[in-house]
Amino acid sequence: MKMTPDDHARVAAAIAEAERATSGEIFCVFARQVSGYWDVLLGWAAAAALILPLLAIPLGLDPTDLPSLAHGWSVGHAAAAGSEAGTAIAVHAVLQLATFLTVLLLGLIPAVRRALTPPAIRRDRVRRAALNQFLAHGLHVTEARTGVLIFAADADHRVEVIADKGIHEKVSEDVWADAAAALVSGMKRKAPADGFVRAVSLCGGVLAEHFPPRPVNPNEVPDRLVEI
């Protein structure tokens, strides 16, 4: 998904509009991908290479099933048992390598790699990326601790809404869940800007309720959407 200049302008305008009624600060980040999850894919490939070839044993796999390795011959004398064992080991090694490469190649498809990644891992990495952005843009140092980050990770199919201590202590989790759901809806419809605008509006409403504008109400964080 791409964010156009018009999309950026719409989100920035929505933030500015929401902040007119509050002393809180809202910031939006659109991430294309927070992790490639290559370590997870390698783990799956290694596990498959170790386990799947072993399943061939009870299924009756014989070294002669691979003529190129067994040369089409079978062992008929006990003295040749060592040769048969060596062939079996070679066959097993080839199966392991083939399995590893097959899983690795399948994992090059983003949808497959995402499916192989446990939801808990994706949730944790997107959460950490969102927290890093929260800190990097100074949302944790606003005067009343009322910064809110709205974060979407496109390829990871995850969103996060992070509120600083000042506002988080006064607001139900349902508010942030509603904002996250609005953003997810926009992402699913390939209209991320719509999702951000709706999420900003929901967050702005709750900020205005608990933190109205101060007599001196500086804009502590830029009103904009950042792409990473």
C-alpha atoms as a PDB file:
ATOM      1  CA  MET A   1       0.000   0.000   0.000  1.00  0.00           C
ATOM      2  CA  LYS A   2       1.134   3.522  -0.739  1.00  0.00           C
ATOM      3  CA  MET A   3       0.354   6.790   0.974  1.00  0.00           C
ATOM      4  CA  THR A   4      -0.012   9.700  -1.440  1.00  0.00           C
ATOM      5  CA  PRO A   5       0.773  13.367  -0.680  1.00  0.00           C
ATOM      6  CA  ASP A   6      -2.995  13.920  -0.463  1.00  0.00           C
ATOM      7  CA  ASP A   7      -3.215  11.118   2.102  1.00  0.00           C
ATOM      8  CA  HIS A   8      -0.504  12.763   4.184  1.00  0.00           C
ATOM      9  CA  ALA A   9      -2.305  16.100   3.974  1.00  0.00           C
ATOM     10  CA  ARG A  10      -5.612  14.553   5.038  1.00  0.00           C
ATOM     11  CA  VAL A  11      -4.100  12.856   8.071  1.00  0.00           C
ATOM     12  CA  ALA A  12      -2.192  15.993   9.088  1.00  0.00           C
ATOM     13  CA  ALA A  13      -5.389  18.053   8.794  1.00  0.00           C
ATOM     14  CA  ALA A  14      -7.291  15.497  10.895  1.00  0.00           C
ATOM     15  CA  ILE A  15      -4.616  15.680  13.614  1.00  0.00           C
ATOM     16  CA  ALA A  16      -4.659  19.489  13.622  1.00  0.00           C
ATOM     17  CA  GLU A  17      -8.466  19.505  13.828  1.00  0.00           C
ATOM     18  CA  ALA A  18      -8.522  17.006  16.692  1.00  0.00           C
ATOM     19  CA  GLU A  19      -5.853  18.895  18.654  1.00  0.00           C
ATOM     20  CA  ARG A  20      -7.774  22.176  18.513  1.00  0.00           C
ATOM     21  CA  ALA A  21     -10.050  20.779  21.228  1.00  0.00           C
ATOM     22  CA  THR A  22      -7.353  19.283  23.464  1.00  0.00           C
ATOM     23  CA  SER A  23      -3.975  19.812  25.038  1.00  0.00           C
ATOM     24  CA  GLY A  24      -3.071  16.245  24.057  1.00  0.00           C
ATOM     25  CA  GLU A  25      -0.814  15.299  21.168  1.00  0.00           C
ATOM     26  CA  ILE A  26      -1.466  12.768  18.406  1.00  0.00           C
ATOM     27  CA  PHE A  27       1.143  11.361  16.053  1.00  0.00           C
ATOM     28  CA  CYS A  28       0.748   8.815  13.231  1.00  0.00           C
ATOM     29  CA  VAL A  29       3.261   6.361  11.773  1.00  0.00           C
ATOM     30  CA  PHE A  30       2.795   4.113   8.739  1.00  0.00           C
ATOM     31  CA  ALA A  31       5.402   1.332   8.547  1.00  0.00           C
ATOM     32  CA  ARG A  32       5.739  -0.790   5.454  1.00  0.00           C
ATOM     33  CA  GLN A  33       7.249  -3.664   7.471  1.00  0.00           C
ATOM     34  CA  VAL A  34       8.814  -3.882  10.920  1.00  0.00           C
ATOM     35  CA  SER A  35      10.514  -7.264  10.428  1.00  0.00           C
ATOM     36  CA  GLY A  36      11.316  -9.742   7.677  1.00  0.00           C
ATOM     37  CA  TYR A  37      10.942 -12.637  10.167  1.00  0.00           C
ATOM     38  CA  TRP A  38      13.825 -14.419   8.461  1.00  0.00           C
ATOM     39  CA  ASP A  39      14.889 -15.979  11.759  1.00  0.00           C
ATOM     40  CA  VAL A  40      11.434 -17.530  12.116  1.00  0.00           C
ATOM     41  CA  LEU A  41      11.571 -18.887   8.560  1.00  0.00           C
ATOM     42  CA  LEU A  42      15.019 -20.395   9.133  1.00  0.00           C
ATOM     43  CA  GLY A  43      13.703 -22.021  12.307  1.00  0.00           C
ATOM     44  CA  TRP A  44      10.809 -23.599  10.410  1.00  0.00           C
ATOM     45  CA  ALA A  45      13.109 -24.776   7.611  1.00  0.00           C
ATOM     46  CA  ALA A  46      15.557 -26.337  10.071  1.00  0.00           C
ATOM     47  CA  ALA A  47      12.778 -28.025  12.054  1.00  0.00           C
ATOM     48  CA  ALA A  48      11.197 -29.399   8.886  1.00  0.00           C
ATOM     49  CA  ALA A  49      14.581 -30.694   7.696  1.00  0.00           C
ATOM     50  CA  LEU A  50      15.087 -32.525  10.980  1.00  0.00           C
ATOM     51  CA  ILE A  51      11.602 -33.951  11.367  1.00  0.00           C
ATOM     52  CA  LEU A  52      10.048 -34.613   7.958  1.00  0.00           C
ATOM     53  CA  PRO A  53      12.757 -36.985   6.608  1.00  0.00           C
ATOM     54  CA  LEU A  54      12.343 -39.086   9.766  1.00  0.00           C
ATOM     55  CA  LEU A  55       8.689 -39.588   8.897  1.00  0.00           C
ATOM     56  CA  ALA A  56       9.810 -41.390   5.737  1.00  0.00           C
ATOM     57  CA  ILE A  57      11.224 -44.261   7.821  1.00  0.00           C
ATOM     58  CA  PRO A  58       7.902 -45.698   9.052  1.00  0.00           C
ATOM     59  CA  LEU A  59       6.541 -45.145   5.560  1.00  0.00           C
ATOM     60  CA  GLY A  60       9.066 -47.674   4.274  1.00  0.00           C
ATOM     61  CA  LEU A  61      11.511 -45.467   2.370  1.00  0.00           C
ATOM     62  CA  ASP A  62      14.385 -47.539   1.014  1.00  0.00           C
ATOM     63  CA  PRO A  63      17.704 -46.192  -0.338  1.00  0.00           C
ATOM     64  CA  THR A  64      16.937 -47.911  -3.623  1.00  0.00           C
ATOM     65  CA  ASP A  65      14.018 -45.518  -4.012  1.00  0.00           C
ATOM     66  CA  LEU A  66      16.661 -43.013  -5.108  1.00  0.00           C
ATOM     67  CA  PRO A  67      18.587 -44.868  -7.838  1.00  0.00           C
ATOM     68  CA  SER A  68      21.074 -42.075  -8.320  1.00  0.00           C
ATOM     69  CA  LEU A  69      22.354 -42.685  -4.809  1.00  0.00           C
ATOM     70  CA  ALA A  70      21.808 -46.410  -4.487  1.00  0.00           C
ATOM     71  CA  HIS A  71      22.943 -47.113  -8.080  1.00  0.00           C
ATOM     72  CA  GLY A  72      19.927 -49.360  -8.543  1.00  0.00           C
ATOM     73  CA  TRP A  73      21.511 -52.190  -6.518  1.00  0.00           C
ATOM     74  CA  SER A  74      20.376 -53.845  -3.299  1.00  0.00           C
ATOM     75  CA  VAL A  75      22.550 -55.479  -0.639  1.00  0.00           C
ATOM     76  CA  GLY A  76      22.405 -59.282  -0.412  1.00  0.00           C
ATOM     77  CA  HIS A  77      25.282 -60.083   1.923  1.00  0.00           C
ATOM     78  CA  ALA A  78      25.990 -59.097   5.523  1.00  0.00           C
ATOM     79  CA  ALA A  79      29.489 -58.016   4.638  1.00  0.00           C
ATOM     80  CA  ALA A  80      28.008 -55.234   2.505  1.00  0.00           C
ATOM     81  CA  ALA A  81      25.856 -53.845   5.330  1.00  0.00           C
ATOM     82  CA  GLY A  82      28.239 -50.936   5.811  1.00  0.00           C
ATOM     83  CA  SER A  83      27.711 -49.869   2.224  1.00  0.00           C
ATOM     84  CA  GLU A  84      23.931 -49.958   2.675  1.00  0.00           C
ATOM     85  CA  ALA A  85      24.176 -47.893   5.863  1.00  0.00           C
ATOM     86  CA  GLY A  86      26.300 -45.317   4.085  1.00  0.00           C
ATOM     87  CA  THR A  87      23.766 -45.066   1.291  1.00  0.00           C
ATOM     88  CA  ALA A  88      20.910 -44.676   3.792  1.00  0.00           C
ATOM     89  CA  ILE A  89      22.760 -41.826   5.516  1.00  0.00           C
ATOM     90  CA  ALA A  90      23.378 -40.136   2.168  1.00  0.00           C
ATOM     91  CA  VAL A  91      19.690 -40.467   1.243  1.00  0.00           C
ATOM     92  CA  HIS A  92      18.649 -38.990   4.594  1.00  0.00           C
ATOM     93  CA  ALA A  93      21.044 -36.063   4.142  1.00  0.00           C
ATOM     94  CA  VAL A  94      19.692 -35.361   0.658  1.00  0.00           C
ATOM     95  CA  LEU A  95      16.115 -35.432   1.975  1.00  0.00           C
ATOM     96  CA  GLN A  96      17.053 -33.038   4.755  1.00  0.00           C
ATOM     97  CA  LEU A  97      18.678 -30.605   2.332  1.00  0.00           C
ATOM     98  CA  ALA A  98      15.752 -30.817  -0.089  1.00  0.00           C
ATOM     99  CA  THR A  99      13.251 -30.219   2.710  1.00  0.00           C
ATOM    100  CA  PHE A 100      15.219 -27.263   4.070  1.00  0.00           C
ATOM    101  CA  LEU A 101      15.483 -25.608   0.645  1.00  0.00           C
ATOM    102  CA  THR A 102      11.806 -26.257  -0.172  1.00  0.00           C
ATOM    103  CA  VAL A 103      10.558 -24.601   3.015  1.00  0.00           C
ATOM    104  CA  LEU A 104      13.040 -21.756   2.548  1.00  0.00           C
ATOM    105  CA  LEU A 105      11.879 -21.113  -1.022  1.00  0.00           C
ATOM    106  CA  LEU A 106       8.215 -21.234  -0.029  1.00  0.00           C
ATOM    107  CA  GLY A 107       8.984 -18.749   2.732  1.00  0.00           C
ATOM    108  CA  LEU A 108      10.185 -16.217   0.173  1.00  0.00           C
ATOM    109  CA  ILE A 109       6.489 -15.621  -0.536  1.00  0.00           C
ATOM    110  CA  PRO A 110       5.481 -12.874   1.955  1.00  0.00           C
ATOM    111  CA  ALA A 111       2.044 -14.370   2.661  1.00  0.00           C
ATOM    112  CA  VAL A 112       3.589 -17.759   3.426  1.00  0.00           C
ATOM    113  CA  ARG A 113       6.260 -16.238   5.654  1.00  0.00           C
ATOM    114  CA  ARG A 114       3.583 -14.273   7.515  1.00  0.00           C
ATOM    115  CA  ALA A 115       1.486 -17.432   7.948  1.00  0.00           C
ATOM    116  CA  LEU A 116       4.497 -19.300   9.338  1.00  0.00           C
ATOM    117  CA  THR A 117       5.157 -16.560  11.898  1.00  0.00           C
ATOM    118  CA  PRO A 118       3.242 -17.088  15.155  1.00  0.00           C
ATOM    119  CA  PRO A 119       0.871 -14.165  15.903  1.00  0.00           C
ATOM    120  CA  ALA A 120       2.568 -13.603  19.263  1.00  0.00           C
ATOM    121  CA  ILE A 121       5.896 -12.916  17.534  1.00  0.00           C
ATOM    122  CA  ARG A 122       4.353 -10.482  15.055  1.00  0.00           C
ATOM    123  CA  ARG A 123       2.470  -8.758  17.862  1.00  0.00           C
ATOM    124  CA  ASP A 124       5.620  -8.403  19.944  1.00  0.00           C
ATOM    125  CA  ARG A 125       7.769  -7.016  17.121  1.00  0.00           C
ATOM    126  CA  VAL A 126       5.148  -4.534  15.948  1.00  0.00           C
ATOM    127  CA  ARG A 127       4.607  -3.445  19.538  1.00  0.00           C
ATOM    128  CA  ARG A 128       8.342  -2.869  20.032  1.00  0.00           C
ATOM    129  CA  ALA A 129       8.584  -0.947  16.758  1.00  0.00           C
ATOM    130  CA  ALA A 130       5.645   1.229  17.811  1.00  0.00           C
ATOM    131  CA  LEU A 131       7.201   1.900  21.216  1.00  0.00           C
ATOM    132  CA  ASN A 132      10.459   2.891  19.528  1.00  0.00           C
ATOM    133  CA  GLN A 133       8.559   5.399  17.391  1.00  0.00           C
ATOM    134  CA  PHE A 134       6.695   6.672  20.442  1.00  0.00           C
ATOM    135  CA  LEU A 135      10.001   7.457  22.132  1.00  0.00           C
ATOM    136  CA  ALA A 136      11.791   8.648  18.988  1.00  0.00           C
ATOM    137  CA  HIS A 137       9.193  11.357  18.337  1.00  0.00           C
ATOM    138  CA  GLY A 138       9.093  12.587  21.915  1.00  0.00           C
ATOM    139  CA  LEU A 139       5.537  11.550  22.712  1.00  0.00           C
ATOM    140  CA  HIS A 140       6.692  10.530  26.184  1.00  0.00           C
ATOM    141  CA  VAL A 141       7.866  14.026  27.135  1.00  0.00           C
ATOM    142  CA  THR A 142       4.721  16.080  26.550  1.00  0.00           C
ATOM    143  CA  GLU A 143       3.883  18.371  29.461  1.00  0.00           C
ATOM    144  CA  ALA A 144       0.863  16.425  30.742  1.00  0.00           C
ATOM    145  CA  ARG A 145       1.987  13.007  29.463  1.00  0.00           C
ATOM    146  CA  THR A 146      -0.904  12.903  26.993  1.00  0.00           C
ATOM    147  CA  GLY A 147       0.810  11.783  23.804  1.00  0.00           C
ATOM    148  CA  VAL A 148      -0.941   9.179  21.630  1.00  0.00           C
ATOM    149  CA  LEU A 149       0.719   7.209  18.834  1.00  0.00           C
ATOM    150  CA  ILE A 150      -1.348   5.607  16.065  1.00  0.00           C
ATOM    151  CA  PHE A 151       0.818   3.019  14.314  1.00  0.00           C
ATOM    152  CA  ALA A 152       0.151   0.689  11.373  1.00  0.00           C
ATOM    153  CA  ALA A 153       2.511  -1.983  10.015  1.00  0.00           C
ATOM    154  CA  ASP A 154       1.321  -2.842   6.514  1.00  0.00           C
ATOM    155  CA  ALA A 155       3.145  -6.079   5.644  1.00  0.00           C
ATOM    156  CA  ASP A 156       2.849  -7.318   9.228  1.00  0.00           C
ATOM    157  CA  HIS A 157      -0.932  -6.797   9.250  1.00  0.00           C
ATOM    158  CA  ARG A 158      -0.818  -5.264  12.728  1.00  0.00           C
ATOM    159  CA  VAL A 159      -1.750  -1.910  14.233  1.00  0.00           C
ATOM    160  CA  GLU A 160      -0.985  -0.348  17.606  1.00  0.00           C
ATOM    161  CA  VAL A 161      -2.423   2.592  19.516  1.00  0.00           C
ATOM    162  CA  ILE A 162      -0.147   3.664  22.375  1.00  0.00           C
ATOM    163  CA  ALA A 163      -1.220   6.278  24.923  1.00  0.00           C
ATOM    164  CA  ASP A 164       1.104   7.864  27.455  1.00  0.00           C
ATOM    165  CA  LYS A 165       0.573   7.535  31.195  1.00  0.00           C
ATOM    166  CA  GLY A 166      -1.428  10.723  31.679  1.00  0.00           C
ATOM    167  CA  ILE A 167      -4.259   9.720  29.369  1.00  0.00           C
ATOM    168  CA  HIS A 168      -3.984   5.926  29.675  1.00  0.00           C
ATOM    169  CA  GLU A 169      -4.814   6.051  33.401  1.00  0.00           C
ATOM    170  CA  LYS A 170      -8.092   7.878  32.750  1.00  0.00           C
ATOM    171  CA  VAL A 171      -9.448   6.076  29.720  1.00  0.00           C
ATOM    172  CA  SER A 172     -10.918   2.623  29.200  1.00  0.00           C
ATOM    173  CA  GLU A 173      -9.026   0.188  26.992  1.00  0.00           C
ATOM    174  CA  ASP A 174     -12.129   0.052  24.800  1.00  0.00           C
ATOM    175  CA  VAL A 175     -11.349   3.522  23.462  1.00  0.00           C
ATOM    176  CA  TRP A 176      -7.987   2.440  22.085  1.00  0.00           C
ATOM    177  CA  ALA A 177      -9.507  -0.817  20.803  1.00  0.00           C
ATOM    178  CA  ASP A 178     -12.094   1.190  18.848  1.00  0.00           C
ATOM    179  CA  ALA A 179      -9.387   3.408  17.357  1.00  0.00           C
ATOM    180  CA  ALA A 180      -7.313   0.364  16.419  1.00  0.00           C
ATOM    181  CA  ALA A 181     -10.376  -1.288  14.838  1.00  0.00           C
ATOM    182  CA  ALA A 182     -11.029   1.833  12.759  1.00  0.00           C
ATOM    183  CA  LEU A 183      -7.446   1.782  11.491  1.00  0.00           C
ATOM    184  CA  VAL A 184      -7.619  -1.948  10.721  1.00  0.00           C
ATOM    185  CA  SER A 185     -10.812  -1.367   8.749  1.00  0.00           C
ATOM    186  CA  GLY A 186      -9.086   1.235   6.591  1.00  0.00           C
ATOM    187  CA  MET A 187      -6.058  -0.992   6.044  1.00  0.00           C
ATOM    188  CA  LYS A 188      -8.243  -3.902   4.966  1.00  0.00           C
ATOM    189  CA  ARG A 189     -10.023  -1.691   2.436  1.00  0.00           C
ATOM    190  CA  LYS A 190      -6.670  -0.511   1.022  1.00  0.00           C
ATOM    191  CA  ALA A 191      -7.570   2.958   2.291  1.00  0.00           C
ATOM    192  CA  PRO A 192      -5.039   3.548   5.075  1.00  0.00           C
ATOM    193  CA  ALA A 193      -5.614   7.305   5.146  1.00  0.00           C
ATOM    194  CA  ASP A 194      -9.313   6.746   5.898  1.00  0.00           C
ATOM    195  CA  GLY A 195      -8.339   4.462   8.757  1.00  0.00           C
ATOM    196  CA  PHE A 196      -5.875   6.963  10.192  1.00  0.00           C
ATOM    197  CA  VAL A 197      -8.364   9.845   9.921  1.00  0.00           C
ATOM    198  CA  ARG A 198     -11.051   7.872  11.737  1.00  0.00           C
ATOM    199  CA  ALA A 199      -8.619   6.678  14.432  1.00  0.00           C
ATOM    200  CA  VAL A 200      -7.367  10.249  14.941  1.00  0.00           C
ATOM    201  CA  SER A 201     -10.947  11.462  15.356  1.00  0.00           C
ATOM    202  CA  LEU A 202     -11.688   8.828  18.005  1.00  0.00           C
ATOM    203  CA  CYS A 203      -8.489   9.534  19.931  1.00  0.00           C
ATOM    204  CA  GLY A 204      -9.047  13.284  19.634  1.00  0.00           C
ATOM    205  CA  GLY A 205     -12.517  12.936  21.100  1.00  0.00           C
ATOM    206  CA  VAL A 206     -11.341  11.176  24.228  1.00  0.00           C
ATOM    207  CA  LEU A 207      -8.393  13.555  24.630  1.00  0.00           C
ATOM    208  CA  ALA A 208     -10.733  16.541  24.406  1.00  0.00           C
ATOM    209  CA  GLU A 209     -12.981  15.017  27.059  1.00  0.00           C
ATOM    210  CA  HIS A 210     -10.224  14.560  29.619  1.00  0.00           C
ATOM    211  CA  PHE A 211      -7.653  17.163  28.551  1.00  0.00           C
ATOM    212  CA  PRO A 212      -9.218  20.355  27.154  1.00  0.00           C
ATOM    213  CA  PRO A 213      -6.921  23.049  25.724  1.00  0.00           C
ATOM    214  CA  ARG A 214      -4.757  24.973  28.174  1.00  0.00           C
ATOM    215  CA  PRO A 215      -4.650  28.793  28.178  1.00  0.00           C
ATOM    216  CA  VAL A 216      -1.210  28.453  26.630  1.00  0.00           C
ATOM    217  CA  ASN A 217      -1.445  25.421  24.381  1.00  0.00           C
ATOM    218  CA  PRO A 218       1.710  24.923  22.286  1.00  0.00           C
ATOM    219  CA  ASN A 219       1.871  22.230  19.641  1.00  0.00           C
ATOM    220  CA  GLU A 220       4.508  19.988  21.227  1.00  0.00           C
ATOM    221  CA  VAL A 221       4.601  17.359  18.469  1.00  0.00           C
ATOM    222  CA  PRO A 222       4.305  18.042  14.702  1.00  0.00           C
ATOM    223  CA  ASP A 223       0.890  17.288  13.185  1.00  0.00           C
ATOM    224  CA  ARG A 224       1.881  14.787  10.551  1.00  0.00           C
ATOM    225  CA  LEU A 225       2.051  11.213   9.354  1.00  0.00           C
ATOM    226  CA  VAL A 226       5.493   9.617   9.116  1.00  0.00           C
ATOM    227  CA  GLU A 227       6.290   6.706   6.805  1.00  0.00           C
ATOM    228  CA  ILE A 228       9.063   4.283   7.672  1.00  0.00           C
END
